[in-house]
C-alpha cells in the first residue's frame, strides 16, 4: 500500500534532487559547497542569501569569476525567472528599498540605543 510520502512530487523519477546546506558562519559550509561543486553532476549555487546584495545590487562576481549578471549560468537563470537580467536588477533595486525600510529602527529602538529609554 503506497504511503502519502510515495506520492509526493519530489519522489517522481524525473525530479531533481536538491541538497541545501544550512549552517552558521565560519563552519566550513562554503568549503563544502565548493568541494561538492567540483563534481560535474552538481550545481553549487553558493551563498544564495548574498545573491541580491552582493551579486545583483553590488554587481559582484559569481563563483566562476565573471560578474553575476554576465555569468552564463546565472544570466540564464535570471532571464528565466525575471524575463531579463535588467528586470532582475530592477527587482533587486526595489527589494533594496523594502529591506532598508525594514531595517530602519523604530523610535523605541533608537531611544534604547541612545540611552533615552530602558530595554525592558
N, C-alpha and C. Protein backbone atom coordinates (compact mmCIF):
# COMPACT_ATOMS: atom_id res chain seq x y z
N UNK A 1 0.84 -1.17 0.00
CA UNK A 1 0.00 0.00 0.00
C UNK A 1 0.90 1.25 0.00
N UNK A 2 0.77 2.12 -1.03
CA UNK A 2 1.63 3.30 -1.08
C UNK A 2 1.26 4.32 0.00
N UNK A 3 2.28 4.95 0.52
CA UNK A 3 2.03 5.97 1.54
C UNK A 3 1.91 7.34 0.86
N UNK A 4 1.50 8.34 1.62
CA UNK A 4 1.39 9.71 1.09
C UNK A 4 2.78 10.20 0.67
N UNK A 5 3.82 9.77 1.37
CA UNK A 5 5.18 10.17 1.03
C UNK A 5 5.56 9.66 -0.36
N UNK A 6 5.15 8.43 -0.70
CA UNK A 6 5.47 7.86 -2.00
C UNK A 6 4.83 8.64 -3.14
N UNK A 7 3.72 9.33 -2.87
CA UNK A 7 3.01 10.08 -3.90
C UNK A 7 3.46 11.54 -3.99
N UNK A 8 4.37 11.96 -3.14
CA UNK A 8 4.85 13.33 -3.14
C UNK A 8 5.56 13.63 -4.46
N UNK A 9 5.37 14.84 -5.05
CA UNK A 9 6.01 15.17 -6.32
C UNK A 9 7.53 15.04 -6.31
N UNK A 10 8.16 15.24 -5.18
CA UNK A 10 9.61 15.13 -5.10
C UNK A 10 10.08 13.69 -5.26
N UNK A 11 9.18 12.75 -5.15
CA UNK A 11 9.54 11.34 -5.29
C UNK A 11 9.47 10.86 -6.73
N UNK A 12 9.06 11.73 -7.66
CA UNK A 12 8.99 11.33 -9.06
C UNK A 12 10.37 10.99 -9.58
N UNK A 13 10.43 10.10 -10.55
CA UNK A 13 11.72 9.69 -11.10
C UNK A 13 12.44 10.83 -11.80
N UNK A 14 11.69 11.79 -12.38
CA UNK A 14 12.31 12.90 -13.10
C UNK A 14 12.58 14.12 -12.23
N UNK A 15 12.31 14.00 -10.93
CA UNK A 15 12.55 15.13 -10.02
C UNK A 15 14.05 15.33 -9.82
N UNK A 16 14.45 16.58 -9.70
CA UNK A 16 15.86 16.91 -9.47
C UNK A 16 16.14 16.91 -7.98
N UNK A 17 17.07 16.10 -7.52
CA UNK A 17 17.40 16.12 -6.09
C UNK A 17 18.07 17.44 -5.72
N UNK A 18 17.73 17.96 -4.57
CA UNK A 18 18.28 19.22 -4.08
C UNK A 18 18.87 18.98 -2.70
N UNK A 19 20.07 19.49 -2.51
CA UNK A 19 20.72 19.44 -1.21
C UNK A 19 20.92 20.88 -0.75
N UNK A 20 20.36 21.23 0.37
CA UNK A 20 20.52 22.57 0.93
C UNK A 20 21.42 22.45 2.15
N UNK A 21 22.49 23.23 2.13
CA UNK A 21 23.41 23.23 3.26
C UNK A 21 23.11 24.49 4.06
N UNK A 22 22.57 24.30 5.24
CA UNK A 22 22.28 25.43 6.12
C UNK A 22 23.24 25.37 7.30
N UNK A 23 23.91 26.48 7.56
CA UNK A 23 24.90 26.45 8.62
C UNK A 23 25.14 27.85 9.17
N UNK A 24 25.86 27.90 10.26
CA UNK A 24 26.26 29.17 10.84
C UNK A 24 27.54 29.64 10.16
N UNK A 25 27.93 30.84 10.47
CA UNK A 25 29.14 31.40 9.87
C UNK A 25 30.39 30.66 10.32
N UNK A 26 31.37 30.65 9.41
CA UNK A 26 32.70 30.14 9.70
C UNK A 26 32.71 28.68 10.17
N UNK A 27 31.88 27.86 9.54
CA UNK A 27 31.83 26.45 9.95
C UNK A 27 32.30 25.51 8.83
N UNK A 28 32.64 26.06 7.67
CA UNK A 28 33.12 25.22 6.58
C UNK A 28 32.08 24.94 5.51
N UNK A 29 30.90 25.55 5.60
CA UNK A 29 29.86 25.26 4.61
C UNK A 29 30.24 25.76 3.22
N UNK A 30 30.94 26.89 3.12
CA UNK A 30 31.37 27.38 1.80
C UNK A 30 32.39 26.43 1.20
N UNK A 31 33.29 25.91 2.01
CA UNK A 31 34.27 24.94 1.52
C UNK A 31 33.56 23.68 1.03
N UNK A 32 32.59 23.21 1.80
CA UNK A 32 31.83 22.03 1.39
C UNK A 32 31.10 22.30 0.07
N UNK A 33 30.51 23.49 -0.07
CA UNK A 33 29.83 23.87 -1.30
C UNK A 33 30.79 23.81 -2.49
N UNK A 34 31.98 24.34 -2.31
CA UNK A 34 32.96 24.36 -3.40
C UNK A 34 33.48 22.97 -3.73
N UNK A 35 33.65 22.14 -2.72
CA UNK A 35 34.10 20.77 -2.97
C UNK A 35 33.03 19.99 -3.74
N UNK A 36 31.78 20.08 -3.27
CA UNK A 36 30.69 19.38 -3.97
C UNK A 36 30.52 19.92 -5.39
N UNK A 37 30.71 21.23 -5.54
CA UNK A 37 30.56 21.86 -6.84
C UNK A 37 31.58 21.42 -7.87
N UNK A 38 32.65 20.76 -7.45
CA UNK A 38 33.66 20.26 -8.39
C UNK A 38 33.16 19.05 -9.17
N UNK A 39 32.13 18.40 -8.65
CA UNK A 39 31.58 17.23 -9.35
C UNK A 39 30.75 17.71 -10.54
N UNK A 40 30.91 17.08 -11.70
CA UNK A 40 30.20 17.56 -12.90
C UNK A 40 28.68 17.44 -12.82
N UNK A 41 28.15 16.60 -11.94
CA UNK A 41 26.70 16.44 -11.85
C UNK A 41 26.08 17.34 -10.78
N UNK A 42 26.90 18.23 -10.18
CA UNK A 42 26.41 19.07 -9.09
C UNK A 42 26.47 20.53 -9.51
N UNK A 43 25.40 21.25 -9.25
CA UNK A 43 25.39 22.71 -9.41
C UNK A 43 25.45 23.32 -8.02
N UNK A 44 26.57 23.94 -7.70
CA UNK A 44 26.74 24.57 -6.39
C UNK A 44 26.34 26.04 -6.53
N UNK A 45 25.22 26.40 -5.95
CA UNK A 45 24.68 27.75 -6.10
C UNK A 45 25.40 28.76 -5.23
N UNK A 46 26.15 28.31 -4.26
CA UNK A 46 26.85 29.25 -3.38
C UNK A 46 25.93 29.79 -2.30
N UNK A 47 26.27 30.95 -1.79
CA UNK A 47 25.51 31.56 -0.70
C UNK A 47 24.35 32.37 -1.28
N UNK A 48 23.21 31.73 -1.41
CA UNK A 48 22.06 32.38 -2.04
C UNK A 48 21.56 33.58 -1.25
N UNK A 49 21.83 33.61 0.05
CA UNK A 49 21.40 34.75 0.84
C UNK A 49 22.16 36.02 0.44
N UNK A 50 23.26 35.86 -0.26
CA UNK A 50 24.05 37.00 -0.71
C UNK A 50 23.80 37.35 -2.17
N UNK A 51 22.94 36.62 -2.84
CA UNK A 51 22.71 36.83 -4.26
C UNK A 51 22.24 38.24 -4.56
N UNK A 52 21.25 38.73 -3.83
CA UNK A 52 20.70 40.07 -4.09
C UNK A 52 21.70 41.15 -3.74
N UNK A 53 22.20 41.10 -2.50
CA UNK A 53 23.02 42.20 -2.01
C UNK A 53 24.35 42.33 -2.75
N UNK A 54 25.08 41.26 -2.88
CA UNK A 54 26.40 41.34 -3.48
C UNK A 54 26.40 41.04 -4.98
N UNK A 55 25.56 40.12 -5.41
CA UNK A 55 25.56 39.73 -6.81
C UNK A 55 24.86 40.70 -7.72
N UNK A 56 23.65 41.11 -7.34
CA UNK A 56 22.88 41.99 -8.21
C UNK A 56 23.09 43.47 -7.87
N UNK A 57 22.84 43.84 -6.63
CA UNK A 57 22.98 45.25 -6.26
C UNK A 57 24.43 45.71 -6.30
N UNK A 58 25.33 44.87 -5.80
CA UNK A 58 26.74 45.24 -5.74
C UNK A 58 27.51 44.88 -6.99
N UNK A 59 26.84 44.25 -7.96
CA UNK A 59 27.47 43.82 -9.21
C UNK A 59 28.70 42.96 -8.93
N UNK A 60 28.58 42.11 -7.91
CA UNK A 60 29.70 41.26 -7.51
C UNK A 60 29.91 40.09 -8.44
N UNK A 61 31.02 39.39 -8.22
CA UNK A 61 31.35 38.26 -9.09
C UNK A 61 30.63 36.98 -8.70
N UNK A 62 30.46 36.15 -9.68
CA UNK A 62 29.96 34.79 -9.49
C UNK A 62 31.15 33.94 -9.06
N UNK A 63 30.91 32.73 -8.64
CA UNK A 63 31.99 31.82 -8.29
C UNK A 63 32.88 31.49 -9.48
N UNK A 64 32.36 31.66 -10.70
CA UNK A 64 33.15 31.37 -11.91
C UNK A 64 34.12 32.50 -12.22
N UNK A 65 33.97 33.65 -11.54
CA UNK A 65 34.86 34.78 -11.77
C UNK A 65 34.23 35.90 -12.57
N UNK A 66 33.21 35.60 -13.35
CA UNK A 66 32.51 36.64 -14.12
C UNK A 66 31.57 37.41 -13.20
N UNK A 67 31.22 38.63 -13.61
CA UNK A 67 30.20 39.36 -12.86
C UNK A 67 28.93 38.52 -12.89
N UNK A 68 28.18 38.51 -11.80
CA UNK A 68 27.00 37.66 -11.72
C UNK A 68 26.05 37.90 -12.90
N UNK A 69 25.85 39.17 -13.26
CA UNK A 69 24.91 39.46 -14.35
C UNK A 69 25.46 39.07 -15.72
N UNK A 70 26.77 38.78 -15.80
CA UNK A 70 27.37 38.34 -17.06
C UNK A 70 27.66 36.84 -17.07
N UNK A 71 27.45 36.18 -15.94
CA UNK A 71 27.70 34.75 -15.84
C UNK A 71 26.72 34.00 -16.74
N UNK A 72 27.19 33.08 -17.57
CA UNK A 72 26.28 32.36 -18.46
C UNK A 72 25.23 31.54 -17.70
N UNK A 73 25.57 31.01 -16.54
CA UNK A 73 24.62 30.20 -15.77
C UNK A 73 23.59 31.10 -15.10
N UNK A 74 24.07 32.07 -14.27
CA UNK A 74 23.13 32.93 -13.54
C UNK A 74 22.36 33.85 -14.48
N UNK A 75 23.00 34.28 -15.56
CA UNK A 75 22.28 35.10 -16.54
C UNK A 75 21.07 34.36 -17.09
N UNK A 76 21.26 33.08 -17.41
CA UNK A 76 20.17 32.26 -17.92
C UNK A 76 19.09 32.06 -16.85
N UNK A 77 19.51 31.84 -15.61
CA UNK A 77 18.54 31.67 -14.53
C UNK A 77 17.74 32.95 -14.33
N UNK A 78 18.42 34.10 -14.28
CA UNK A 78 17.73 35.38 -14.08
C UNK A 78 16.77 35.68 -15.23
N UNK A 79 17.18 35.36 -16.46
CA UNK A 79 16.28 35.56 -17.61
C UNK A 79 15.07 34.66 -17.53
N UNK A 80 15.26 33.43 -17.08
CA UNK A 80 14.14 32.50 -16.98
C UNK A 80 13.17 32.93 -15.89
N UNK A 81 13.69 33.41 -14.77
CA UNK A 81 12.84 33.79 -13.64
C UNK A 81 12.20 35.15 -13.85
N UNK A 82 12.98 36.14 -14.31
CA UNK A 82 12.51 37.52 -14.39
C UNK A 82 12.20 38.00 -15.80
N UNK A 83 12.56 37.22 -16.80
CA UNK A 83 12.33 37.64 -18.18
C UNK A 83 13.56 38.28 -18.79
N UNK A 84 14.39 38.92 -17.97
CA UNK A 84 15.63 39.52 -18.44
C UNK A 84 16.50 39.85 -17.23
N UNK A 85 17.79 40.05 -17.50
CA UNK A 85 18.71 40.44 -16.43
C UNK A 85 18.33 41.83 -15.94
N UNK A 86 17.93 42.70 -16.86
CA UNK A 86 17.52 44.07 -16.48
C UNK A 86 16.34 44.04 -15.52
N UNK A 87 15.38 43.16 -15.75
CA UNK A 87 14.22 43.05 -14.85
C UNK A 87 14.65 42.54 -13.48
N UNK A 88 15.64 41.64 -13.44
CA UNK A 88 16.15 41.15 -12.15
C UNK A 88 16.84 42.28 -11.40
N UNK A 89 17.58 43.13 -12.12
CA UNK A 89 18.24 44.28 -11.49
C UNK A 89 17.21 45.26 -10.93
N UNK A 90 16.12 45.47 -11.66
CA UNK A 90 15.05 46.35 -11.18
C UNK A 90 14.41 45.76 -9.92
N UNK A 91 14.19 44.45 -9.92
CA UNK A 91 13.61 43.79 -8.74
C UNK A 91 14.55 43.92 -7.55
N UNK A 92 15.85 43.78 -7.79
CA UNK A 92 16.83 43.91 -6.71
C UNK A 92 16.83 45.32 -6.15
N UNK A 93 16.70 46.32 -7.01
CA UNK A 93 16.67 47.71 -6.55
C UNK A 93 15.42 47.96 -5.72
N UNK A 94 14.28 47.43 -6.13
CA UNK A 94 13.04 47.57 -5.36
C UNK A 94 13.12 46.84 -4.05
N UNK A 95 13.74 45.67 -4.06
CA UNK A 95 13.90 44.87 -2.86
C UNK A 95 14.81 45.59 -1.87
N UNK A 96 15.82 46.30 -2.38
CA UNK A 96 16.73 47.03 -1.50
C UNK A 96 15.98 48.11 -0.73
N UNK A 97 15.08 48.82 -1.42
CA UNK A 97 14.30 49.86 -0.74
C UNK A 97 13.43 49.25 0.35
N UNK A 98 12.82 48.11 0.07
CA UNK A 98 11.97 47.43 1.07
C UNK A 98 12.80 46.99 2.26
N UNK A 99 13.97 46.40 2.00
CA UNK A 99 14.83 45.93 3.09
C UNK A 99 15.33 47.09 3.93
N UNK A 100 15.66 48.22 3.29
CA UNK A 100 16.13 49.38 4.02
C UNK A 100 15.04 49.87 4.97
N UNK A 101 13.81 49.86 4.50
CA UNK A 101 12.69 50.29 5.33
C UNK A 101 12.53 49.34 6.52
N UNK A 102 12.66 48.04 6.28
CA UNK A 102 12.52 47.06 7.36
C UNK A 102 13.66 47.15 8.36
N UNK A 103 14.84 47.57 7.91
CA UNK A 103 15.99 47.68 8.81
C UNK A 103 16.01 48.97 9.61
N UNK A 104 15.16 49.94 9.24
CA UNK A 104 15.14 51.22 9.94
C UNK A 104 14.64 50.99 11.36
N UNK A 105 15.43 51.35 12.37
CA UNK A 105 14.99 51.10 13.74
C UNK A 105 13.79 51.96 14.11
N UNK A 106 12.94 51.41 14.93
CA UNK A 106 11.78 52.17 15.41
C UNK A 106 12.25 53.22 16.39
N UNK A 107 11.39 54.15 16.72
CA UNK A 107 11.76 55.20 17.68
C UNK A 107 12.20 54.59 18.99
N UNK A 108 11.48 53.58 19.46
CA UNK A 108 11.83 52.95 20.74
C UNK A 108 13.21 52.33 20.67
N UNK A 109 13.51 51.64 19.57
CA UNK A 109 14.84 51.03 19.43
C UNK A 109 15.94 52.09 19.42
N UNK A 110 15.69 53.21 18.75
CA UNK A 110 16.68 54.29 18.75
C UNK A 110 16.85 54.87 20.15
N UNK A 111 15.75 55.02 20.87
CA UNK A 111 15.82 55.59 22.23
C UNK A 111 16.59 54.66 23.15
N UNK A 112 16.36 53.32 23.02
CA UNK A 112 17.09 52.36 23.85
C UNK A 112 18.57 52.42 23.50
N UNK A 113 18.87 52.46 22.23
CA UNK A 113 20.26 52.52 21.78
C UNK A 113 20.95 53.79 22.30
N UNK A 114 20.23 54.92 22.30
CA UNK A 114 20.80 56.21 22.73
C UNK A 114 20.71 56.41 24.22
N UNK A 115 20.14 55.44 24.97
CA UNK A 115 20.07 55.52 26.41
C UNK A 115 18.93 56.41 26.94
N UNK A 116 17.98 56.75 26.07
CA UNK A 116 16.86 57.60 26.49
C UNK A 116 15.69 56.77 27.01
N UNK A 117 15.76 55.43 26.87
CA UNK A 117 14.71 54.55 27.36
C UNK A 117 15.34 53.24 27.80
N UNK A 118 14.66 52.51 28.65
CA UNK A 118 15.19 51.22 29.09
C UNK A 118 14.76 50.15 28.11
N UNK A 119 15.49 49.07 28.08
CA UNK A 119 15.19 47.98 27.15
C UNK A 119 14.11 47.05 27.67
N UNK A 120 13.65 47.26 28.91
CA UNK A 120 12.63 46.37 29.45
C UNK A 120 11.26 46.97 29.36
